[in-house]
PDB file of N, CA and C in Angstrom:
ATOM      1  N   MET A   1      -0.895  -8.717   4.857  1.00  0.00           N
ATOM      2  CA  MET A   1      -1.952  -8.222   4.005  1.00  0.00           C
ATOM      3  C   MET A   1      -1.495  -8.085   2.555  1.00  0.00           C
ATOM      4  N   ILE A   2      -0.263  -7.641   2.332  1.00  0.00           N
ATOM      5  CA  ILE A   2       0.186  -7.386   0.977  1.00  0.00           C
ATOM      6  C   ILE A   2       0.958  -8.590   0.478  1.00  0.00           C
ATOM      7  N   VAL A   3       0.641  -9.020  -0.731  1.00  0.00           N
ATOM      8  CA  VAL A   3       1.250 -10.194  -1.327  1.00  0.00           C
ATOM      9  C   VAL A   3       2.209  -9.748  -2.424  1.00  0.00           C
ATOM     10  N   ASN A   4       3.328 -10.442  -2.550  1.00  0.00           N
ATOM     11  CA  ASN A   4       4.303 -10.181  -3.605  1.00  0.00           C
ATOM     12  C   ASN A   4       4.757  -8.725  -3.625  1.00  0.00           C
ATOM     13  N   ARG A   5       5.084  -8.191  -2.481  1.00  0.00           N
ATOM     14  CA  ARG A   5       5.496  -6.797  -2.363  1.00  0.00           C
ATOM     15  C   ARG A   5       6.742  -6.503  -3.196  1.00  0.00           C
ATOM     16  N   ASP A   6       7.676  -7.455  -3.297  1.00  0.00           N
ATOM     17  CA  ASP A   6       8.940  -7.205  -3.959  1.00  0.00           C
ATOM     18  C   ASP A   6       8.934  -7.525  -5.448  1.00  0.00           C
ATOM     19  N   LYS A   7       7.844  -7.994  -5.968  1.00  0.00           N
ATOM     20  CA  LYS A   7       7.795  -8.371  -7.374  1.00  0.00           C
ATOM     21  C   LYS A   7       7.465  -7.144  -8.217  1.00  0.00           C
ATOM     22  N   ILE A   8       8.370  -6.796  -9.109  1.00  0.00           N
ATOM     23  CA  ILE A   8       8.219  -5.610  -9.936  1.00  0.00           C
ATOM     24  C   ILE A   8       8.199  -6.046 -11.394  1.00  0.00           C
ATOM     25  N   VAL A   9       7.337  -5.436 -12.175  1.00  0.00           N
ATOM     26  CA  VAL A   9       7.197  -5.787 -13.578  1.00  0.00           C
ATOM     27  C   VAL A   9       7.579  -4.568 -14.416  1.00  0.00           C
ATOM     28  N   PHE A  10       8.427  -4.783 -15.421  1.00  0.00           N
ATOM     29  CA  PHE A  10       8.822  -3.701 -16.316  1.00  0.00           C
ATOM     30  C   PHE A  10       7.880  -3.646 -17.506  1.00  0.00           C
ATOM     31  N   ASN A  11       7.470  -2.455 -17.866  1.00  0.00           N
ATOM     32  CA  ASN A  11       6.659  -2.244 -19.057  1.00  0.00           C
ATOM     33  C   ASN A  11       7.573  -1.893 -20.222  1.00  0.00           C
ATOM     34  N   ARG A  12       7.029  -1.878 -21.412  1.00  0.00           N
ATOM     35  CA  ARG A  12       7.827  -1.552 -22.596  1.00  0.00           C
ATOM     36  C   ARG A  12       8.413  -0.151 -22.529  1.00  0.00           C
ATOM     37  N   ASP A  13       7.706   0.773 -21.897  1.00  0.00           N
ATOM     38  CA  ASP A  13       8.192   2.153 -21.830  1.00  0.00           C
ATOM     39  C   ASP A  13       9.170   2.372 -20.672  1.00  0.00           C
ATOM     40  N   ARG A  14       9.667   1.277 -20.105  1.00  0.00           N
ATOM     41  CA  ARG A  14      10.663   1.260 -19.032  1.00  0.00           C
ATOM     42  C   ARG A  14      10.115   1.741 -17.693  1.00  0.00           C
ATOM     43  N   SER A  15       8.837   2.023 -17.600  1.00  0.00           N
ATOM     44  CA  SER A  15       8.265   2.343 -16.296  1.00  0.00           C
ATOM     45  C   SER A  15       7.963   1.033 -15.586  1.00  0.00           C
ATOM     46  N   ILE A  16       7.807   1.086 -14.292  1.00  0.00           N
ATOM     47  CA  ILE A  16       7.519  -0.131 -13.554  1.00  0.00           C
ATOM     48  C   ILE A  16       6.200   0.001 -12.826  1.00  0.00           C
ATOM     49  N   ASP A  17       5.552  -1.116 -12.671  1.00  0.00           N
ATOM     50  CA  ASP A  17       4.305  -1.190 -11.922  1.00  0.00           C
ATOM     51  C   ASP A  17       4.418  -2.338 -10.942  1.00  0.00           C
ATOM     52  N   ILE A  18       3.916  -2.137  -9.760  1.00  0.00           N
ATOM     53  CA  ILE A  18       3.807  -3.232  -8.828  1.00  0.00           C
ATOM     54  C   ILE A  18       2.654  -4.092  -9.308  1.00  0.00           C
ATOM     55  N   GLU A  19       2.795  -5.392  -9.227  1.00  0.00           N
ATOM     56  CA  GLU A  19       1.762  -6.275  -9.763  1.00  0.00           C
ATOM     57  C   GLU A  19       0.425  -6.007  -9.104  1.00  0.00           C
ATOM     58  N   THR A  20      -0.625  -6.202  -9.881  1.00  0.00           N
ATOM     59  CA  THR A  20      -1.967  -5.877  -9.409  1.00  0.00           C
ATOM     60  C   THR A  20      -2.432  -6.771  -8.278  1.00  0.00           C
ATOM     61  N   ASN A  21      -1.839  -7.955  -8.102  1.00  0.00           N
ATOM     62  CA  ASN A  21      -2.279  -8.820  -7.011  1.00  0.00           C
ATOM     63  C   ASN A  21      -1.824  -8.306  -5.656  1.00  0.00           C
ATOM     64  N   MET A  22      -1.097  -7.207  -5.634  1.00  0.00           N
ATOM     65  CA  MET A  22      -0.673  -6.612  -4.381  1.00  0.00           C
ATOM     66  C   MET A  22      -1.850  -5.959  -3.663  1.00  0.00           C
ATOM     67  N   LYS A  23      -2.773  -5.415  -4.400  1.00  0.00           N
ATOM     68  CA  LYS A  23      -3.877  -4.676  -3.805  1.00  0.00           C
ATOM     69  C   LYS A  23      -5.033  -5.600  -3.449  1.00  0.00           C
ATOM     70  N   LEU A  24      -5.749  -5.206  -2.427  1.00  0.00           N
ATOM     71  CA  LEU A  24      -6.935  -5.952  -2.022  1.00  0.00           C
ATOM     72  C   LEU A  24      -8.158  -5.365  -2.699  1.00  0.00           C
ATOM     73  N   THR A  25      -9.093  -6.204  -3.035  1.00  0.00           N
ATOM     74  CA  THR A  25     -10.360  -5.734  -3.584  1.00  0.00           C
ATOM     75  C   THR A  25     -11.222  -5.191  -2.444  1.00  0.00           C
ATOM     76  N   SER A  26     -12.287  -4.505  -2.790  1.00  0.00           N
ATOM     77  CA  SER A  26     -13.200  -3.975  -1.768  1.00  0.00           C
ATOM     78  C   SER A  26     -13.780  -5.108  -0.926  1.00  0.00           C
ATOM     79  N   ASN A  27     -14.109  -6.213  -1.578  1.00  0.00           N
ATOM     80  CA  ASN A  27     -14.653  -7.368  -0.871  1.00  0.00           C
ATOM     81  C   ASN A  27     -13.614  -7.943   0.109  1.00  0.00           C
ATOM     82  N   GLN A  28     -12.366  -8.025  -0.315  1.00  0.00           N
ATOM     83  CA  GLN A  28     -11.323  -8.550   0.555  1.00  0.00           C
ATOM     84  C   GLN A  28     -11.082  -7.625   1.747  1.00  0.00           C
ATOM     85  N   ILE A  29     -11.150  -6.327   1.511  1.00  0.00           N
ATOM     86  CA  ILE A  29     -10.989  -5.363   2.601  1.00  0.00           C
ATOM     87  C   ILE A  29     -12.114  -5.527   3.614  1.00  0.00           C
ATOM     88  N   GLN A  30     -13.333  -5.716   3.133  1.00  0.00           N
ATOM     89  CA  GLN A  30     -14.457  -5.916   4.039  1.00  0.00           C
ATOM     90  C   GLN A  30     -14.296  -7.209   4.839  1.00  0.00           C
ATOM     91  N   GLN A  31     -13.859  -8.272   4.184  1.00  0.00           N
ATOM     92  CA  GLN A  31     -13.639  -9.543   4.883  1.00  0.00           C
ATOM     93  C   GLN A  31     -12.554  -9.396   5.943  1.00  0.00           C
ATOM     94  N   LEU A  32     -11.494  -8.667   5.610  1.00  0.00           N
ATOM     95  CA  LEU A  32     -10.413  -8.424   6.562  1.00  0.00           C
ATOM     96  C   LEU A  32     -10.930  -7.669   7.781  1.00  0.00           C
ATOM     97  N   ALA A  33     -11.698  -6.614   7.544  1.00  0.00           N
ATOM     98  CA  ALA A  33     -12.265  -5.822   8.637  1.00  0.00           C
ATOM     99  C   ALA A  33     -13.193  -6.676   9.499  1.00  0.00           C
ATOM    100  N   GLU A  34     -14.002  -7.532   8.864  1.00  0.00           N
ATOM    101  CA  GLU A  34     -14.899  -8.422   9.607  1.00  0.00           C
ATOM    102  C   GLU A  34     -14.109  -9.357  10.523  1.00  0.00           C
ATOM    103  N   LYS A  35     -13.043  -9.951   9.998  1.00  0.00           N
ATOM    104  CA  LYS A  35     -12.242 -10.884  10.797  1.00  0.00           C
ATOM    105  C   LYS A  35     -11.564 -10.183  11.960  1.00  0.00           C
ATOM    106  N   ILE A  36     -11.058  -8.982  11.720  1.00  0.00           N
ATOM    107  CA  ILE A  36     -10.429  -8.221  12.800  1.00  0.00           C
ATOM    108  C   ILE A  36     -11.454  -7.900  13.882  1.00  0.00           C
ATOM    109  N   LEU A  37     -12.619  -7.423  13.460  1.00  0.00           N
ATOM    110  CA  LEU A  37     -13.671  -7.061  14.398  1.00  0.00           C
ATOM    111  C   LEU A  37     -14.139  -8.277  15.203  1.00  0.00           C
ATOM    112  N   GLU A  38     -14.324  -9.406  14.528  1.00  0.00           N
ATOM    113  CA  GLU A  38     -14.718 -10.639  15.219  1.00  0.00           C
ATOM    114  C   GLU A  38     -13.669 -11.051  16.247  1.00  0.00           C
ATOM    115  N   ASN A  39     -12.422 -10.974  15.855  1.00  0.00           N
ATOM    116  CA  ASN A  39     -11.337 -11.352  16.763  1.00  0.00           C
ATOM    117  C   ASN A  39     -11.295 -10.434  17.979  1.00  0.00           C
ATOM    118  N   TRP A  40     -11.446  -9.138  17.764  1.00  0.00           N
ATOM    119  CA  TRP A  40     -11.461  -8.195  18.877  1.00  0.00           C
ATOM    120  C   TRP A  40     -12.624  -8.473  19.820  1.00  0.00           C
ATOM    121  N   LYS A  41     -13.793  -8.806  19.257  1.00  0.00           N
ATOM    122  CA  LYS A  41     -14.963  -9.095  20.094  1.00  0.00           C
ATOM    123  C   LYS A  41     -14.751 -10.375  20.901  1.00  0.00           C
ATOM    124  N   LYS A  42     -14.199 -11.418  20.278  1.00  0.00           N
ATOM    125  CA  LYS A  42     -13.953 -12.680  20.977  1.00  0.00           C
ATOM    126  C   LYS A  42     -12.991 -12.497  22.148  1.00  0.00           C
ATOM    127  N   GLN A  43     -12.017 -11.631  21.965  1.00  0.00           N
ATOM    128  CA  GLN A  43     -11.012 -11.406  23.008  1.00  0.00           C
ATOM    129  C   GLN A  43     -11.391 -10.265  23.950  1.00  0.00           C
ATOM    130  N   ASN A  44     -12.582  -9.736  23.786  1.00  0.00           N
ATOM    131  CA  ASN A  44     -13.067  -8.617  24.607  1.00  0.00           C
ATOM    132  C   ASN A  44     -12.097  -7.432  24.600  1.00  0.00           C
ATOM    133  N   LEU A  45     -11.589  -7.102  23.411  1.00  0.00           N
ATOM    134  CA  LEU A  45     -10.652  -5.995  23.279  1.00  0.00           C
ATOM    135  C   LEU A  45     -11.335  -4.696  22.860  1.00  0.00           C
ATOM    136  N   ILE A  46     -12.629  -4.762  22.618  1.00  0.00           N
ATOM    137  CA  ILE A  46     -13.327  -3.597  22.101  1.00  0.00           C
ATOM    138  C   ILE A  46     -14.657  -3.408  22.818  1.00  0.00           C
ATOM    139  N   GLN A  47     -14.971  -2.139  23.098  1.00  0.00           N
ATOM    140  CA  GLN A  47     -16.283  -1.777  23.610  1.00  0.00           C
ATOM    141  C   GLN A  47     -16.821  -0.705  22.675  1.00  0.00           C
ATOM    142  N   PHE A  48     -17.994  -0.910  22.180  1.00  0.00           N
ATOM    143  CA  PHE A  48     -18.561  -0.016  21.175  1.00  0.00           C
ATOM    144  C   PHE A  48     -19.174   1.215  21.821  1.00  0.00           C
ATOM    145  N   LYS A  49     -18.751   2.386  21.350  1.00  0.00           N
ATOM    146  CA  LYS A  49     -19.388   3.641  21.724  1.00  0.00           C
ATOM    147  C   LYS A  49     -20.363   4.066  20.638  1.00  0.00           C
ATOM    148  N   ALA A  50     -20.214   3.470  19.469  1.00  0.00           N
ATOM    149  CA  ALA A  50     -21.118   3.681  18.339  1.00  0.00           C
ATOM    150  C   ALA A  50     -21.621   2.302  17.926  1.00  0.00           C
ATOM    151  N   SER A  51     -22.506   2.268  16.971  1.00  0.00           N
ATOM    152  CA  SER A  51     -23.035   0.974  16.544  1.00  0.00           C
ATOM    153  C   SER A  51     -21.921   0.163  15.861  1.00  0.00           C
ATOM    154  N   GLU A  52     -22.094  -1.139  15.890  1.00  0.00           N
ATOM    155  CA  GLU A  52     -21.099  -2.027  15.287  1.00  0.00           C
ATOM    156  C   GLU A  52     -20.984  -1.769  13.778  1.00  0.00           C
ATOM    157  N   LYS A  53     -22.086  -1.435  13.138  1.00  0.00           N
ATOM    158  CA  LYS A  53     -22.064  -1.132  11.702  1.00  0.00           C
ATOM    159  C   LYS A  53     -21.232   0.114  11.420  1.00  0.00           C
ATOM    160  N   GLU A  54     -21.345   1.119  12.272  1.00  0.00           N
ATOM    161  CA  GLU A  54     -20.559   2.343  12.096  1.00  0.00           C
ATOM    162  C   GLU A  54     -19.069   2.068  12.287  1.00  0.00           C
ATOM    163  N   VAL A  55     -18.750   1.258  13.278  1.00  0.00           N
ATOM    164  CA  VAL A  55     -17.351   0.900  13.528  1.00  0.00           C
ATOM    165  C   VAL A  55     -16.794   0.123  12.340  1.00  0.00           C
ATOM    166  N   PHE A  56     -17.563  -0.831  11.829  1.00  0.00           N
ATOM    167  CA  PHE A  56     -17.142  -1.622  10.685  1.00  0.00           C
ATOM    168  C   PHE A  56     -16.909  -0.735   9.457  1.00  0.00           C
ATOM    169  N   ALA A  57     -17.841   0.174   9.199  1.00  0.00           N
ATOM    170  CA  ALA A  57     -17.708   1.076   8.046  1.00  0.00           C
ATOM    171  C   ALA A  57     -16.454   1.940   8.173  1.00  0.00           C
ATOM    172  N   ARG A  58     -16.182   2.397   9.385  1.00  0.00           N
ATOM    173  CA  ARG A  58     -14.984   3.228   9.618  1.00  0.00           C
ATOM    174  C   ARG A  58     -13.711   2.404   9.427  1.00  0.00           C
ATOM    175  N   MET A  59     -13.721   1.153   9.851  1.00  0.00           N
ATOM    176  CA  MET A  59     -12.562   0.278   9.660  1.00  0.00           C
ATOM    177  C   MET A  59     -12.275   0.097   8.167  1.00  0.00           C
ATOM    178  N   VAL A  60     -13.297  -0.168   7.398  1.00  0.00           N
ATOM    179  CA  VAL A  60     -13.143  -0.360   5.949  1.00  0.00           C
ATOM    180  C   VAL A  60     -12.596   0.918   5.321  1.00  0.00           C
ATOM    181  N   GLU A  61     -13.131   2.051   5.727  1.00  0.00           N
ATOM    182  CA  GLU A  61     -12.688   3.339   5.194  1.00  0.00           C
ATOM    183  C   GLU A  61     -11.203   3.580   5.487  1.00  0.00           C
ATOM    184  N   ILE A  62     -10.776   3.272   6.699  1.00  0.00           N
ATOM    185  CA  ILE A  62      -9.380   3.482   7.090  1.00  0.00           C
ATOM    186  C   ILE A  62      -8.447   2.576   6.292  1.00  0.00           C
ATOM    187  N   ILE A  63      -8.821   1.327   6.114  1.00  0.00           N
ATOM    188  CA  ILE A  63      -7.994   0.395   5.350  1.00  0.00           C
ATOM    189  C   ILE A  63      -7.888   0.855   3.905  1.00  0.00           C
ATOM    190  N   GLN A  64      -8.994   1.291   3.315  1.00  0.00           N
ATOM    191  CA  GLN A  64      -8.972   1.774   1.930  1.00  0.00           C
ATOM    192  C   GLN A  64      -8.092   3.011   1.788  1.00  0.00           C
ATOM    193  N   LYS A  65      -8.189   3.930   2.727  1.00  0.00           N
ATOM    194  CA  LYS A  65      -7.360   5.139   2.682  1.00  0.00           C
ATOM    195  C   LYS A  65      -5.881   4.795   2.797  1.00  0.00           C
ATOM    196  N   ASP A  66      -5.563   3.783   3.603  1.00  0.00           N
ATOM    197  CA  ASP A  66      -4.177   3.368   3.750  1.00  0.00           C
ATOM    198  C   ASP A  66      -3.624   2.840   2.422  1.00  0.00           C
ATOM    199  N   TYR A  67      -4.418   2.062   1.719  1.00  0.00           N
ATOM    200  CA  TYR A  67      -3.992   1.565   0.407  1.00  0.00           C
ATOM    201  C   TYR A  67      -3.864   2.703  -0.597  1.00  0.00           C
ATOM    202  N   GLU A  68      -4.734   3.696  -0.511  1.00  0.00           N
ATOM    203  CA  GLU A  68      -4.637   4.851  -1.398  1.00  0.00           C
ATOM    204  C   GLU A  68      -3.358   5.637  -1.120  1.00  0.00           C
ATOM    205  N   ARG A  69      -2.992   5.769   0.152  1.00  0.00           N
ATOM    206  CA  ARG A  69      -1.748   6.454   0.512  1.00  0.00           C
ATOM    207  C   ARG A  69      -0.546   5.720  -0.057  1.00  0.00           C
ATOM    208  N   GLU A  70      -0.577   4.391   0.001  1.00  0.00           N
ATOM    209  CA  GLU A  70       0.540   3.628  -0.555  1.00  0.00           C
ATOM    210  C   GLU A  70       0.593   3.753  -2.076  1.00  0.00           C
ATOM    211  N   ALA A  71      -0.548   3.781  -2.732  1.00  0.00           N
ATOM    212  CA  ALA A  71      -0.575   3.957  -4.191  1.00  0.00           C
ATOM    213  C   ALA A  71      -0.003   5.323  -4.579  1.00  0.00           C
ATOM    214  N   LEU A  72      -0.342   6.353  -3.826  1.00  0.00           N
ATOM    215  CA  LEU A  72       0.194   7.686  -4.058  1.00  0.00           C
ATOM    216  C   LEU A  72       1.705   7.691  -3.847  1.00  0.00           C
ATOM    217  N   LEU A  73       2.147   7.024  -2.811  1.00  0.00           N
ATOM    218  CA  LEU A  73       3.574   6.909  -2.530  1.00  0.00           C
ATOM    219  C   LEU A  73       4.298   6.248  -3.695  1.00  0.00           C
ATOM    220  N   GLU A  74       3.747   5.161  -4.213  1.00  0.00           N
ATOM    221  CA  GLU A  74       4.368   4.456  -5.342  1.00  0.00           C
ATOM    222  C   GLU A  74       4.416   5.327  -6.584  1.00  0.00           C
ATOM    223  N   ARG A  75       3.364   6.094  -6.821  1.00  0.00           N
ATOM    224  CA  ARG A  75       3.357   6.990  -7.973  1.00  0.00           C
ATOM    225  C   ARG A  75       4.454   8.046  -7.843  1.00  0.00           C
ATOM    226  N   ASP A  76       4.609   8.594  -6.645  1.00  0.00           N
ATOM    227  CA  ASP A  76       5.646   9.589  -6.412  1.00  0.00           C
ATOM    228  C   ASP A  76       7.041   8.995  -6.563  1.00  0.00           C
ATOM    229  N   VAL A  77       7.227   7.768  -6.082  1.00  0.00           N
ATOM    230  CA  VAL A  77       8.517   7.101  -6.234  1.00  0.00           C
ATOM    231  C   VAL A  77       8.821   6.888  -7.714  1.00  0.00           C
ATOM    232  N   ASN A  78       7.830   6.458  -8.485  1.00  0.00           N
ATOM    233  CA  ASN A  78       8.043   6.274  -9.914  1.00  0.00           C
ATOM    234  C   ASN A  78       8.387   7.588 -10.606  1.00  0.00           C
ATOM    235  N   ASN A  79       7.767   8.685 -10.200  1.00  0.00           N
ATOM    236  CA  ASN A  79       8.104   9.997 -10.760  1.00  0.00           C
ATOM    237  C   ASN A  79       9.540  10.379 -10.428  1.00  0.00           C
ATOM    238  N   MET A  80       9.944  10.116  -9.195  1.00  0.00           N
ATOM    239  CA  MET A  80      11.327  10.389  -8.800  1.00  0.00           C
ATOM    240  C   MET A  80      12.300   9.540  -9.614  1.00  0.00           C
ATOM    241  N   LEU A  81      11.945   8.290  -9.822  1.00  0.00           N
ATOM    242  CA  LEU A  81      12.806   7.402 -10.596  1.00  0.00           C
ATOM    243  C   LEU A  81      12.908   7.853 -12.047  1.00  0.00           C
ATOM    244  N   ASP A  82      11.814   8.356 -12.597  1.00  0.00           N
ATOM    245  CA  ASP A  82      11.853   8.883 -13.962  1.00  0.00           C
ATOM    246  C   ASP A  82      12.867  10.020 -14.075  1.00  0.00           C
ATOM    247  N   LYS A  83      12.842  10.930 -13.116  1.00  0.00           N
ATOM    248  CA  LYS A  83      13.777  12.057 -13.121  1.00  0.00           C
ATOM    249  C   LYS A  83      15.215  11.582 -12.942  1.00  0.00           C
ATOM    250  N   LEU A  84      15.414  10.637 -12.030  1.00  0.00           N
ATOM    251  CA  LEU A  84      16.758  10.098 -11.824  1.00  0.00           C
ATOM    252  C   LEU A  84      17.269   9.372 -13.062  1.00  0.00           C
ATOM    253  N   GLU A  85      16.390   8.676 -13.732  1.00  0.00           N
ATOM    254  CA  GLU A  85      16.780   7.933 -14.928  1.00  0.00           C
ATOM    255  C   GLU A  85      17.190   8.883 -16.056  1.00  0.00           C
ATOM    256  N   GLU A  86      16.545  10.027 -16.140  1.00  0.00           N
ATOM    257  CA  GLU A  86      16.904  11.009 -17.164  1.00  0.00           C
ATOM    258  C   GLU A  86      18.310  11.553 -16.931  1.00  0.00           C
ATOM    259  N   THR A  87      18.664  11.789 -15.673  1.00  0.00           N
ATOM    260  CA  THR A  87      19.978  12.366 -15.374  1.00  0.00           C
ATOM    261  C   THR A  87      21.086  11.317 -15.319  1.00  0.00           C
ATOM    262  N   ASN A  88      20.749  10.057 -15.057  1.00  0.00           N
ATOM    263  CA  ASN A  88      21.753   8.995 -14.932  1.00  0.00           C
ATOM    264  C   ASN A  88      21.497   7.876 -15.931  1.00  0.00           C
ATOM    265  N   ALA A  89      21.358   8.221 -17.178  1.00  0.00           N
ATOM    266  CA  ALA A  89      21.057   7.212 -18.204  1.00  0.00           C
ATOM    267  C   ALA A  89      22.201   6.206 -18.320  1.00  0.00           C
ATOM    268  N   GLY A  90      21.846   4.971 -18.592  1.00  0.00           N
ATOM    269  CA  GLY A  90      22.844   3.925 -18.800  1.00  0.00           C
ATOM    270  C   GLY A  90      23.144   3.109 -17.574  1.00  0.00           C
ATOM    271  N   GLU A  91      23.641   3.739 -16.523  1.00  0.00           N
ATOM    272  CA  GLU A  91      24.041   2.997 -15.327  1.00  0.00           C
ATOM    273  C   GLU A  91      22.935   2.880 -14.280  1.00  0.00           C
ATOM    274  N   PHE A  92      21.815   3.452 -14.554  1.00  0.00           N
ATOM    275  CA  PHE A  92      20.717   3.496 -13.584  1.00  0.00           C
ATOM    276  C   PHE A  92      19.988   2.158 -13.510  1.00  0.00           C
ATOM    277  N   GLN A  93      19.820   1.636 -12.315  1.00  0.00           N
ATOM    278  CA  GLN A  93      19.108   0.374 -12.105  1.00  0.00           C
ATOM    279  C   GLN A  93      17.832   0.648 -11.320  1.00  0.00           C
ATOM    280  N   ARG A  94      16.777   0.829 -12.058  1.00  0.00           N
ATOM    281  CA  ARG A  94      15.488   1.211 -11.500  1.00  0.00           C
ATOM    282  C   ARG A  94      14.971   0.192 -10.488  1.00  0.00           C
ATOM    283  N   PHE A  95      15.091  -1.089 -10.793  1.00  0.00           N
ATOM    284  CA  PHE A  95      14.554  -2.129  -9.919  1.00  0.00           C
ATOM    285  C   PHE A  95      15.246  -2.160  -8.562  1.00  0.00           C
ATOM    286  N   LYS A  96      16.479  -1.691  -8.488  1.00  0.00           N
ATOM    287  CA  LYS A  96      17.175  -1.630  -7.193  1.00  0.00           C
ATOM    288  C   LYS A  96      16.808  -0.369  -6.422  1.00  0.00           C
ATOM    289  N   MET A  97      16.583   0.703  -7.149  1.00  0.00           N
ATOM    290  CA  MET A  97      16.289   1.981  -6.511  1.00  0.00           C
ATOM    291  C   MET A  97      14.851   2.072  -5.998  1.00  0.00           C
ATOM    292  N   PHE A  98      13.931   1.362  -6.644  1.00  0.00           N
ATOM    293  CA  PHE A  98      12.525   1.471  -6.262  1.00  0.00           C
ATOM    294  C   PHE A  98      12.296   1.163  -4.778  1.00  0.00           C
ATOM    295  N   PRO A  99      12.726  -0.012  -4.267  1.00  0.00           N
ATOM    296  CA  PRO A  99      12.452  -0.283  -2.846  1.00  0.00           C
ATOM    297  C   PRO A  99      13.179   0.662  -1.893  1.00  0.00           C
ATOM    298  N   ILE A 100      14.358   1.128  -2.285  1.00  0.00           N
ATOM    299  CA  ILE A 100      15.108   2.053  -1.430  1.00  0.00           C
ATOM    300  C   ILE A 100      14.361   3.378  -1.307  1.00  0.00           C
ATOM    301  N   LEU A 101      13.969   3.929  -2.466  1.00  0.00           N
ATOM    302  CA  LEU A 101      13.237   5.204  -2.442  1.00  0.00           C
ATOM    303  C   LEU A 101      11.876   5.068  -1.770  1.00  0.00           C
ATOM    304  N   LYS A 102      11.216   3.947  -2.001  1.00  0.00           N
ATOM    305  CA  LYS A 102       9.896   3.743  -1.403  1.00  0.00           C
ATOM    306  C   LYS A 102      10.006   3.700   0.124  1.00  0.00           C
ATOM    307  N   GLN A 103      11.001   2.980   0.638  1.00  0.00           N
ATOM    308  CA  GLN A 103      11.196   2.919   2.094  1.00  0.00           C
ATOM    309  C   GLN A 103      11.501   4.300   2.671  1.00  0.00           C
ATOM    310  N   LYS A 104      12.375   5.038   1.997  1.00  0.00           N
ATOM    311  CA  LYS A 104      12.755   6.362   2.484  1.00  0.00           C
ATOM    312  C   LYS A 104      11.566   7.317   2.487  1.00  0.00           C
ATOM    313  N   LEU A 105      10.835   7.339   1.384  1.00  0.00           N
ATOM    314  CA  LEU A 105       9.673   8.215   1.288  1.00  0.00           C
ATOM    315  C   LEU A 105       8.576   7.801   2.270  1.00  0.00           C
ATOM    316  N   ALA A 106       8.407   6.507   2.454  1.00  0.00           N
ATOM    317  CA  ALA A 106       7.401   6.017   3.414  1.00  0.00           C
ATOM    318  C   ALA A 106       7.759   6.475   4.822  1.00  0.00           C
ATOM    319  N   LYS A 107       9.021   6.422   5.146  1.00  0.00           N
ATOM    320  CA  LYS A 107       9.454   6.863   6.478  1.00  0.00           C
ATOM    321  C   LYS A 107       9.205   8.357   6.660  1.00  0.00           C
ATOM    322  N   GLU A 108       9.515   9.145   5.633  1.00  0.00           N
ATOM    323  CA  GLU A 108       9.300  10.589   5.711  1.00  0.00           C
ATOM    324  C   GLU A 108       7.828  10.939   5.850  1.00  0.00           C
ATOM    325  N   ARG A 109       6.973  10.189   5.136  1.00  0.00           N
ATOM    326  CA  ARG A 109       5.529  10.457   5.148  1.00  0.00           C
ATOM    327  C   ARG A 109       4.780   9.683   6.221  1.00  0.00           C
ATOM    328  N   LYS A 110       5.520   8.881   6.963  1.00  0.00           N
ATOM    329  CA  LYS A 110       4.949   8.061   8.032  1.00  0.00           C
ATOM    330  C   LYS A 110       3.865   7.116   7.509  1.00  0.00           C
ATOM    331  N   VAL A 111       4.198   6.449   6.390  1.00  0.00           N
ATOM    332  CA  VAL A 111       3.318   5.433   5.810  1.00  0.00           C
ATOM    333  C   VAL A 111       3.869   4.077   6.219  1.00  0.00           C
ATOM    334  N   ILE A 112       3.036   3.248   6.784  1.00  0.00           N
ATOM    335  CA  ILE A 112       3.451   1.910   7.190  1.00  0.00           C
ATOM    336  C   ILE A 112       3.241   0.982   6.011  1.00  0.00           C
ATOM    337  N   LEU A 113       4.313   0.311   5.624  1.00  0.00           N
ATOM    338  CA  LEU A 113       4.232  -0.603   4.473  1.00  0.00           C
ATOM    339  C   LEU A 113       3.958  -2.014   4.923  1.00  0.00           C
TER     340      LEU A 113
END
């Protein structure tokens, strides 16, 4: 689902942002949910207790919340890196620390990357 996860871009103010093509648009999330739902129906893996529209809406909501959790995680990692950079000026390599801290924090918060 996520493209170019390891590509990091440095800004002039030395902060980093994950490239914007990493995130899915609302339309892409809906298409993803549709394909998953279609696949589950074809393989008879799902029985609806609610209407199919309600299930689809809930799927989209869950996927969006998951991306929001990852965005929050990235913001927190960047804040941690800012603090580390202040205390370890000069020898600090932000681009190496970002994936390490992100993995550690994701594990602690039980976020699947």
